[in-house]
């Protein structure tokens, strides 16, 4: 067996190990991470600011808590309060 054949055989073995490890990792993730309360919290924290960003002049409709004002200031770059400087 030549060096190239040995290399190809070993490369294929390593690829098979990587594919098996990745499949196991995806299975572990799908069983233990997805749809947990932490996952849903992450989804909400990622989506809600964008929804608020898309609603024009939301401050005209509701009184925002300081946390939401901060989120909107960082996402929308619009002033809802006096500047900090």
PDB file of N, CA and C in Angstrom:
ATOM      1  N   UNK A   1       0.844  -1.172   0.000  1.00  0.00           N
ATOM      2  CA  UNK A   1       0.000   0.000   0.000  1.00  0.00           C
ATOM      3  C   UNK A   1       0.899   1.249   0.000  1.00  0.00           C
ATOM      4  N   UNK A   2       0.600   2.179  -0.878  1.00  0.00           N
ATOM      5  CA  UNK A   2       1.424   3.377  -0.990  1.00  0.00           C
ATOM      6  C   UNK A   2       1.045   4.398   0.077  1.00  0.00           C
ATOM      7  N   UNK A   3       1.888   5.408   0.188  1.00  0.00           N
ATOM      8  CA  UNK A   3       1.621   6.476   1.157  1.00  0.00           C
ATOM      9  C   UNK A   3       0.304   7.177   0.866  1.00  0.00           C
ATOM     10  N   UNK A   4       0.023   7.415  -0.401  1.00  0.00           N
ATOM     11  CA  UNK A   4      -1.208   8.105  -0.761  1.00  0.00           C
ATOM     12  C   UNK A   4      -2.432   7.269  -0.387  1.00  0.00           C
ATOM     13  N   UNK A   5      -2.366   5.973  -0.616  1.00  0.00           N
ATOM     14  CA  UNK A   5      -3.484   5.094  -0.250  1.00  0.00           C
ATOM     15  C   UNK A   5      -3.677   5.059   1.262  1.00  0.00           C
ATOM     16  N   UNK A   6      -2.563   5.014   2.009  1.00  0.00           N
ATOM     17  CA  UNK A   6      -2.653   5.037   3.471  1.00  0.00           C
ATOM     18  C   UNK A   6      -3.251   6.358   3.950  1.00  0.00           C
ATOM     19  N   UNK A   7      -2.804   7.443   3.322  1.00  0.00           N
ATOM     20  CA  UNK A   7      -3.329   8.754   3.692  1.00  0.00           C
ATOM     21  C   UNK A   7      -4.841   8.823   3.437  1.00  0.00           C
ATOM     22  N   UNK A   8      -5.275   8.390   2.280  1.00  0.00           N
ATOM     23  CA  UNK A   8      -6.698   8.440   1.948  1.00  0.00           C
ATOM     24  C   UNK A   8      -7.525   7.559   2.885  1.00  0.00           C
ATOM     25  N   UNK A   9      -6.989   6.381   3.213  1.00  0.00           N
ATOM     26  CA  UNK A   9      -7.697   5.488   4.119  1.00  0.00           C
ATOM     27  C   UNK A   9      -7.838   6.131   5.502  1.00  0.00           C
ATOM     28  N   UNK A  10      -6.743   6.704   6.005  1.00  0.00           N
ATOM     29  CA  UNK A  10      -6.763   7.345   7.332  1.00  0.00           C
ATOM     30  C   UNK A  10      -7.654   8.590   7.323  1.00  0.00           C
ATOM     31  N   UNK A  11      -7.611   9.364   6.243  1.00  0.00           N
ATOM     32  CA  UNK A  11      -8.457  10.557   6.128  1.00  0.00           C
ATOM     33  C   UNK A  11      -9.931  10.164   6.142  1.00  0.00           C
ATOM     34  N   UNK A  12     -10.282   9.099   5.453  1.00  0.00           N
ATOM     35  CA  UNK A  12     -11.674   8.629   5.455  1.00  0.00           C
ATOM     36  C   UNK A  12     -12.107   8.142   6.839  1.00  0.00           C
ATOM     37  N   UNK A  13     -11.204   7.465   7.540  1.00  0.00           N
ATOM     38  CA  UNK A  13     -11.517   7.016   8.900  1.00  0.00           C
ATOM     39  C   UNK A  13     -11.770   8.216   9.812  1.00  0.00           C
ATOM     40  N   UNK A  14     -10.921   9.225   9.717  1.00  0.00           N
ATOM     41  CA  UNK A  14     -11.088  10.422  10.539  1.00  0.00           C
ATOM     42  C   UNK A  14     -12.379  11.163  10.183  1.00  0.00           C
ATOM     43  N   UNK A  15     -12.698  11.246   8.892  1.00  0.00           N
ATOM     44  CA  UNK A  15     -13.939  11.875   8.479  1.00  0.00           C
ATOM     45  C   UNK A  15     -15.138  11.134   9.060  1.00  0.00           C
ATOM     46  N   UNK A  16     -15.107   9.823   9.032  1.00  0.00           N
ATOM     47  CA  UNK A  16     -16.203   9.024   9.600  1.00  0.00           C
ATOM     48  C   UNK A  16     -16.347   9.275  11.099  1.00  0.00           C
ATOM     49  N   UNK A  17     -15.220   9.410  11.803  1.00  0.00           N
ATOM     50  CA  UNK A  17     -15.268   9.712  13.235  1.00  0.00           C
ATOM     51  C   UNK A  17     -15.881  11.093  13.484  1.00  0.00           C
ATOM     52  N   UNK A  18     -15.490  12.064  12.661  1.00  0.00           N
ATOM     53  CA  UNK A  18     -16.045  13.415  12.803  1.00  0.00           C
ATOM     54  C   UNK A  18     -17.544  13.400  12.554  1.00  0.00           C
ATOM     55  N   UNK A  19     -17.980  12.713  11.522  1.00  0.00           N
ATOM     56  CA  UNK A  19     -19.408  12.646  11.200  1.00  0.00           C
ATOM     57  C   UNK A  19     -20.190  11.969  12.322  1.00  0.00           C
ATOM     58  N   UNK A  20     -19.647  10.902  12.884  1.00  0.00           N
ATOM     59  CA  UNK A  20     -20.318  10.206  13.986  1.00  0.00           C
ATOM     60  C   UNK A  20     -20.381  11.093  15.228  1.00  0.00           C
ATOM     61  N   UNK A  21     -19.300  11.804  15.522  1.00  0.00           N
ATOM     62  CA  UNK A  21     -19.273  12.703  16.679  1.00  0.00           C
ATOM     63  C   UNK A  21     -20.277  13.832  16.500  1.00  0.00           C
ATOM     64  N   UNK A  22     -20.350  14.387  15.308  1.00  0.00           N
ATOM     65  CA  UNK A  22     -21.305  15.466  15.041  1.00  0.00           C
ATOM     66  C   UNK A  22     -22.747  14.973  15.192  1.00  0.00           C
ATOM     67  N   UNK A  23     -23.031  13.795  14.682  1.00  0.00           N
ATOM     68  CA  UNK A  23     -24.377  13.234  14.824  1.00  0.00           C
ATOM     69  C   UNK A  23     -24.734  13.029  16.291  1.00  0.00           C
ATOM     70  N   UNK A  24     -23.781  12.544  17.066  1.00  0.00           N
ATOM     71  CA  UNK A  24     -24.014  12.348  18.495  1.00  0.00           C
ATOM     72  C   UNK A  24     -24.243  13.687  19.203  1.00  0.00           C
ATOM     73  N   UNK A  25     -23.475  14.703  18.820  1.00  0.00           N
ATOM     74  CA  UNK A  25     -23.634  16.029  19.419  1.00  0.00           C
ATOM     75  C   UNK A  25     -25.004  16.616  19.090  1.00  0.00           C
ATOM     76  N   UNK A  26     -25.464  16.488  17.863  1.00  0.00           N
ATOM     77  CA  UNK A  26     -26.783  16.991  17.470  1.00  0.00           C
ATOM     78  C   UNK A  26     -27.877  16.260  18.236  1.00  0.00           C
ATOM     79  N   UNK A  27     -27.737  14.965  18.392  1.00  0.00           N
ATOM     80  CA  UNK A  27     -28.724  14.186  19.141  1.00  0.00           C
ATOM     81  C   UNK A  27     -28.759  14.641  20.606  1.00  0.00           C
ATOM     82  N   UNK A  28     -27.599  14.822  21.212  1.00  0.00           N
ATOM     83  CA  UNK A  28     -27.507  15.281  22.594  1.00  0.00           C
ATOM     84  C   UNK A  28     -28.136  16.663  22.741  1.00  0.00           C
ATOM     85  N   UNK A  29     -27.839  17.573  21.801  1.00  0.00           N
ATOM     86  CA  UNK A  29     -28.396  18.924  21.834  1.00  0.00           C
ATOM     87  C   UNK A  29     -29.910  18.895  21.699  1.00  0.00           C
ATOM     88  N   UNK A  30     -30.409  18.098  20.774  1.00  0.00           N
ATOM     89  CA  UNK A  30     -31.859  18.069  20.559  1.00  0.00           C
ATOM     90  C   UNK A  30     -32.600  17.449  21.739  1.00  0.00           C
ATOM     91  N   UNK A  31     -31.962  16.581  22.471  1.00  0.00           N
ATOM     92  CA  UNK A  31     -32.614  15.961  23.625  1.00  0.00           C
ATOM     93  C   UNK A  31     -32.538  16.821  24.880  1.00  0.00           C
ATOM     94  N   UNK A  32     -31.487  17.646  25.021  1.00  0.00           N
ATOM     95  CA  UNK A  32     -31.260  18.339  26.289  1.00  0.00           C
ATOM     96  C   UNK A  32     -31.299  19.859  26.235  1.00  0.00           C
ATOM     97  N   UNK A  33     -31.296  20.463  25.052  1.00  0.00           N
ATOM     98  CA  UNK A  33     -31.219  21.911  24.983  1.00  0.00           C
ATOM     99  C   UNK A  33     -32.456  22.526  24.345  1.00  0.00           C
ATOM    100  N   UNK A  34     -32.817  22.049  23.178  1.00  0.00           N
ATOM    101  CA  UNK A  34     -33.889  22.694  22.421  1.00  0.00           C
ATOM    102  C   UNK A  34     -35.224  22.567  23.156  1.00  0.00           C
ATOM    103  N   UNK A  35     -35.968  23.638  23.151  1.00  0.00           N
ATOM    104  CA  UNK A  35     -37.293  23.757  23.769  1.00  0.00           C
ATOM    105  C   UNK A  35     -37.277  23.710  25.297  1.00  0.00           C
ATOM    106  N   UNK A  36     -36.134  23.948  25.919  1.00  0.00           N
ATOM    107  CA  UNK A  36     -36.109  24.118  27.368  1.00  0.00           C
ATOM    108  C   UNK A  36     -36.479  25.562  27.676  1.00  0.00           C
ATOM    109  N   UNK A  37     -36.687  25.883  28.953  1.00  0.00           N
ATOM    110  CA  UNK A  37     -37.064  27.258  29.285  1.00  0.00           C
ATOM    111  C   UNK A  37     -35.950  28.234  28.943  1.00  0.00           C
ATOM    112  N   UNK A  38     -34.690  27.786  29.058  1.00  0.00           N
ATOM    113  CA  UNK A  38     -33.577  28.661  28.711  1.00  0.00           C
ATOM    114  C   UNK A  38     -33.553  28.940  27.207  1.00  0.00           C
ATOM    115  N   UNK A  39     -33.890  27.946  26.411  1.00  0.00           N
ATOM    116  CA  UNK A  39     -33.942  28.105  24.970  1.00  0.00           C
ATOM    117  C   UNK A  39     -35.035  29.103  24.599  1.00  0.00           C
ATOM    118  N   UNK A  40     -36.222  28.941  25.217  1.00  0.00           N
ATOM    119  CA  UNK A  40     -37.322  29.868  24.930  1.00  0.00           C
ATOM    120  C   UNK A  40     -36.975  31.287  25.372  1.00  0.00           C
ATOM    121  N   UNK A  41     -36.293  31.443  26.504  1.00  0.00           N
ATOM    122  CA  UNK A  41     -35.868  32.760  26.957  1.00  0.00           C
ATOM    123  C   UNK A  41     -34.923  33.395  25.936  1.00  0.00           C
ATOM    124  N   UNK A  42     -34.007  32.626  25.431  1.00  0.00           N
ATOM    125  CA  UNK A  42     -33.100  33.131  24.406  1.00  0.00           C
ATOM    126  C   UNK A  42     -33.832  33.546  23.143  1.00  0.00           C
ATOM    127  N   UNK A  43     -34.805  32.758  22.737  1.00  0.00           N
ATOM    128  CA  UNK A  43     -35.593  33.111  21.552  1.00  0.00           C
ATOM    129  C   UNK A  43     -36.344  34.414  21.784  1.00  0.00           C
ATOM    130  N   UNK A  44     -36.977  34.547  22.954  1.00  0.00           N
ATOM    131  CA  UNK A  44     -37.728  35.761  23.264  1.00  0.00           C
ATOM    132  C   UNK A  44     -36.803  36.971  23.294  1.00  0.00           C
ATOM    133  N   UNK A  45     -35.647  36.844  23.946  1.00  0.00           N
ATOM    134  CA  UNK A  45     -34.715  37.959  24.029  1.00  0.00           C
ATOM    135  C   UNK A  45     -34.108  38.317  22.673  1.00  0.00           C
ATOM    136  N   UNK A  46     -34.101  37.382  21.760  1.00  0.00           N
ATOM    137  CA  UNK A  46     -33.576  37.668  20.428  1.00  0.00           C
ATOM    138  C   UNK A  46     -34.646  38.259  19.506  1.00  0.00           C
ATOM    139  N   UNK A  47     -35.910  37.914  19.723  1.00  0.00           N
ATOM    140  CA  UNK A  47     -36.972  38.314  18.799  1.00  0.00           C
ATOM    141  C   UNK A  47     -37.704  39.567  19.257  1.00  0.00           C
ATOM    142  N   UNK A  48     -38.005  39.695  20.535  1.00  0.00           N
ATOM    143  CA  UNK A  48     -38.808  40.814  21.033  1.00  0.00           C
ATOM    144  C   UNK A  48     -38.199  42.174  20.705  1.00  0.00           C
ATOM    145  N   UNK A  49     -36.906  42.403  20.886  1.00  0.00           N
ATOM    146  CA  UNK A  49     -36.368  43.722  20.515  1.00  0.00           C
ATOM    147  C   UNK A  49     -36.583  44.068  19.040  1.00  0.00           C
ATOM    148  N   UNK A  50     -36.519  43.073  18.169  1.00  0.00           N
ATOM    149  CA  UNK A  50     -36.755  43.342  16.754  1.00  0.00           C
ATOM    150  C   UNK A  50     -38.218  43.674  16.483  1.00  0.00           C
ATOM    151  N   UNK A  51     -39.113  43.037  17.196  1.00  0.00           N
ATOM    152  CA  UNK A  51     -40.539  43.366  17.052  1.00  0.00           C
ATOM    153  C   UNK A  51     -40.771  44.798  17.522  1.00  0.00           C
ATOM    154  N   UNK A  52     -40.195  45.148  18.661  1.00  0.00           N
ATOM    155  CA  UNK A  52     -40.337  46.509  19.167  1.00  0.00           C
ATOM    156  C   UNK A  52     -39.686  47.519  18.234  1.00  0.00           C
ATOM    157  N   UNK A  53     -38.604  47.138  17.609  1.00  0.00           N
ATOM    158  CA  UNK A  53     -37.926  48.032  16.676  1.00  0.00           C
ATOM    159  C   UNK A  53     -38.815  48.321  15.459  1.00  0.00           C
ATOM    160  N   UNK A  54     -39.583  47.342  15.055  1.00  0.00           N
ATOM    161  CA  UNK A  54     -40.416  47.490  13.869  1.00  0.00           C
ATOM    162  C   UNK A  54     -41.688  48.285  14.134  1.00  0.00           C
ATOM    163  N   UNK A  55     -42.096  48.414  15.380  1.00  0.00           N
ATOM    164  CA  UNK A  55     -43.290  49.186  15.708  1.00  0.00           C
ATOM    165  C   UNK A  55     -42.882  50.660  15.780  1.00  0.00           C
ATOM    166  N   UNK A  56     -43.470  51.491  14.927  1.00  0.00           N
ATOM    167  CA  UNK A  56     -43.062  52.898  14.939  1.00  0.00           C
ATOM    168  C   UNK A  56     -43.559  53.621  16.184  1.00  0.00           C
ATOM    169  N   UNK A  57     -42.685  54.415  16.759  1.00  0.00           N
ATOM    170  CA  UNK A  57     -43.021  55.265  17.899  1.00  0.00           C
ATOM    171  C   UNK A  57     -43.758  54.513  18.999  1.00  0.00           C
ATOM    172  N   UNK A  58     -43.189  53.430  19.451  1.00  0.00           N
ATOM    173  CA  UNK A  58     -43.834  52.635  20.498  1.00  0.00           C
ATOM    174  C   UNK A  58     -43.965  53.435  21.785  1.00  0.00           C
ATOM    175  N   UNK A  59     -43.109  54.424  21.999  1.00  0.00           N
ATOM    176  CA  UNK A  59     -43.189  55.211  23.229  1.00  0.00           C
ATOM    177  C   UNK A  59     -44.463  56.058  23.266  1.00  0.00           C
ATOM    178  N   UNK A  60     -45.090  56.290  22.124  1.00  0.00           N
ATOM    179  CA  UNK A  60     -46.356  57.022  22.100  1.00  0.00           C
ATOM    180  C   UNK A  60     -47.513  56.174  22.619  1.00  0.00           C
ATOM    181  N   UNK A  61     -47.362  54.864  22.596  1.00  0.00           N
ATOM    182  CA  UNK A  61     -48.452  53.971  22.951  1.00  0.00           C
ATOM    183  C   UNK A  61     -48.353  53.415  24.369  1.00  0.00           C
ATOM    184  N   UNK A  62     -47.140  53.152  24.814  1.00  0.00           N
ATOM    185  CA  UNK A  62     -46.961  52.530  26.132  1.00  0.00           C
ATOM    186  C   UNK A  62     -45.861  53.237  26.899  1.00  0.00           C
ATOM    187  N   UNK A  63     -45.933  53.141  28.213  1.00  0.00           N
ATOM    188  CA  UNK A  63     -44.851  53.640  29.064  1.00  0.00           C
ATOM    189  C   UNK A  63     -43.845  52.507  29.234  1.00  0.00           C
ATOM    190  N   UNK A  64     -42.624  52.721  28.784  1.00  0.00           N
ATOM    191  CA  UNK A  64     -41.615  51.675  28.801  1.00  0.00           C
ATOM    192  C   UNK A  64     -40.870  51.652  30.125  1.00  0.00           C
ATOM    193  N   UNK A  65     -40.536  50.470  30.571  1.00  0.00           N
ATOM    194  CA  UNK A  65     -39.690  50.330  31.753  1.00  0.00           C
ATOM    195  C   UNK A  65     -38.262  50.716  31.366  1.00  0.00           C
ATOM    196  N   UNK A  66     -37.419  51.041  32.338  1.00  0.00           N
ATOM    197  CA  UNK A  66     -36.031  51.416  32.005  1.00  0.00           C
ATOM    198  C   UNK A  66     -35.283  50.345  31.214  1.00  0.00           C
ATOM    199  N   UNK A  67     -35.579  49.082  31.480  1.00  0.00           N
ATOM    200  CA  UNK A  67     -34.890  48.010  30.754  1.00  0.00           C
ATOM    201  C   UNK A  67     -35.251  48.064  29.284  1.00  0.00           C
ATOM    202  N   UNK A  68     -36.533  48.215  28.968  1.00  0.00           N
ATOM    203  CA  UNK A  68     -36.951  48.271  27.560  1.00  0.00           C
ATOM    204  C   UNK A  68     -36.481  49.548  26.899  1.00  0.00           C
ATOM    205  N   UNK A  69     -36.403  50.650  27.663  1.00  0.00           N
ATOM    206  CA  UNK A  69     -35.856  51.877  27.092  1.00  0.00           C
ATOM    207  C   UNK A  69     -34.397  51.660  26.687  1.00  0.00           C
ATOM    208  N   UNK A  70     -33.645  50.984  27.548  1.00  0.00           N
ATOM    209  CA  UNK A  70     -32.245  50.694  27.228  1.00  0.00           C
ATOM    210  C   UNK A  70     -32.141  49.812  25.988  1.00  0.00           C
ATOM    211  N   UNK A  71     -32.982  48.780  25.918  1.00  0.00           N
ATOM    212  CA  UNK A  71     -32.956  47.877  24.755  1.00  0.00           C
ATOM    213  C   UNK A  71     -33.278  48.659  23.489  1.00  0.00           C
ATOM    214  N   UNK A  72     -34.308  49.471  23.543  1.00  0.00           N
ATOM    215  CA  UNK A  72     -34.676  50.234  22.362  1.00  0.00           C
ATOM    216  C   UNK A  72     -33.611  51.263  21.990  1.00  0.00           C
ATOM    217  N   UNK A  73     -32.974  51.856  22.987  1.00  0.00           N
ATOM    218  CA  UNK A  73     -31.907  52.810  22.695  1.00  0.00           C
ATOM    219  C   UNK A  73     -30.749  52.132  21.976  1.00  0.00           C
ATOM    220  N   UNK A  74     -30.422  50.920  22.402  1.00  0.00           N
ATOM    221  CA  UNK A  74     -29.294  50.237  21.779  1.00  0.00           C
ATOM    222  C   UNK A  74     -29.665  49.680  20.411  1.00  0.00           C
ATOM    223  N   UNK A  75     -30.906  49.258  20.231  1.00  0.00           N
ATOM    224  CA  UNK A  75     -31.307  48.675  18.957  1.00  0.00           C
ATOM    225  C   UNK A  75     -31.697  49.753  17.952  1.00  0.00           C
ATOM    226  N   UNK A  76     -32.475  50.727  18.388  1.00  0.00           N
ATOM    227  CA  UNK A  76     -33.053  51.698  17.472  1.00  0.00           C
ATOM    228  C   UNK A  76     -32.210  52.956  17.325  1.00  0.00           C
ATOM    229  N   UNK A  77     -31.310  53.221  18.264  1.00  0.00           N
ATOM    230  CA  UNK A  77     -30.463  54.405  18.249  1.00  0.00           C
ATOM    231  C   UNK A  77     -31.306  55.683  18.230  1.00  0.00           C
ATOM    232  N   UNK A  78     -32.421  55.660  18.928  1.00  0.00           N
ATOM    233  CA  UNK A  78     -33.291  56.811  18.992  1.00  0.00           C
ATOM    234  C   UNK A  78     -33.407  57.218  20.448  1.00  0.00           C
ATOM    235  N   UNK A  79     -33.535  58.473  20.730  1.00  0.00           N
ATOM    236  CA  UNK A  79     -33.527  58.942  22.105  1.00  0.00           C
ATOM    237  C   UNK A  79     -34.927  58.945  22.694  1.00  0.00           C
ATOM    238  N   UNK A  80     -35.139  58.122  23.722  1.00  0.00           N
ATOM    239  CA  UNK A  80     -36.388  58.130  24.478  1.00  0.00           C
ATOM    240  C   UNK A  80     -36.198  58.855  25.810  1.00  0.00           C
ATOM    241  N   UNK A  81     -34.981  59.142  26.143  1.00  0.00           N
ATOM    242  CA  UNK A  81     -34.675  59.807  27.407  1.00  0.00           C
ATOM    243  C   UNK A  81     -33.519  60.780  27.172  1.00  0.00           C
ATOM    244  N   UNK A  82     -33.189  61.533  28.185  1.00  0.00           N
ATOM    245  CA  UNK A  82     -32.086  62.471  28.074  1.00  0.00           C
ATOM    246  C   UNK A  82     -30.782  61.699  27.866  1.00  0.00           C
ATOM    247  N   UNK A  83     -29.850  62.269  27.090  1.00  0.00           N
ATOM    248  CA  UNK A  83     -28.566  61.580  26.898  1.00  0.00           C
ATOM    249  C   UNK A  83     -27.825  61.413  28.214  1.00  0.00           C
ATOM    250  N   UNK A  84     -27.001  60.393  28.285  1.00  0.00           N
ATOM    251  CA  UNK A  84     -26.276  60.091  29.506  1.00  0.00           C
ATOM    252  C   UNK A  84     -25.032  60.952  29.673  1.00  0.00           C
ATOM    253  N   UNK A  85     -24.595  61.644  28.651  1.00  0.00           N
ATOM    254  CA  UNK A  85     -23.379  62.463  28.747  1.00  0.00           C
ATOM    255  C   UNK A  85     -23.682  63.929  28.848  1.00  0.00           C
TER     256      UNK A  85
END
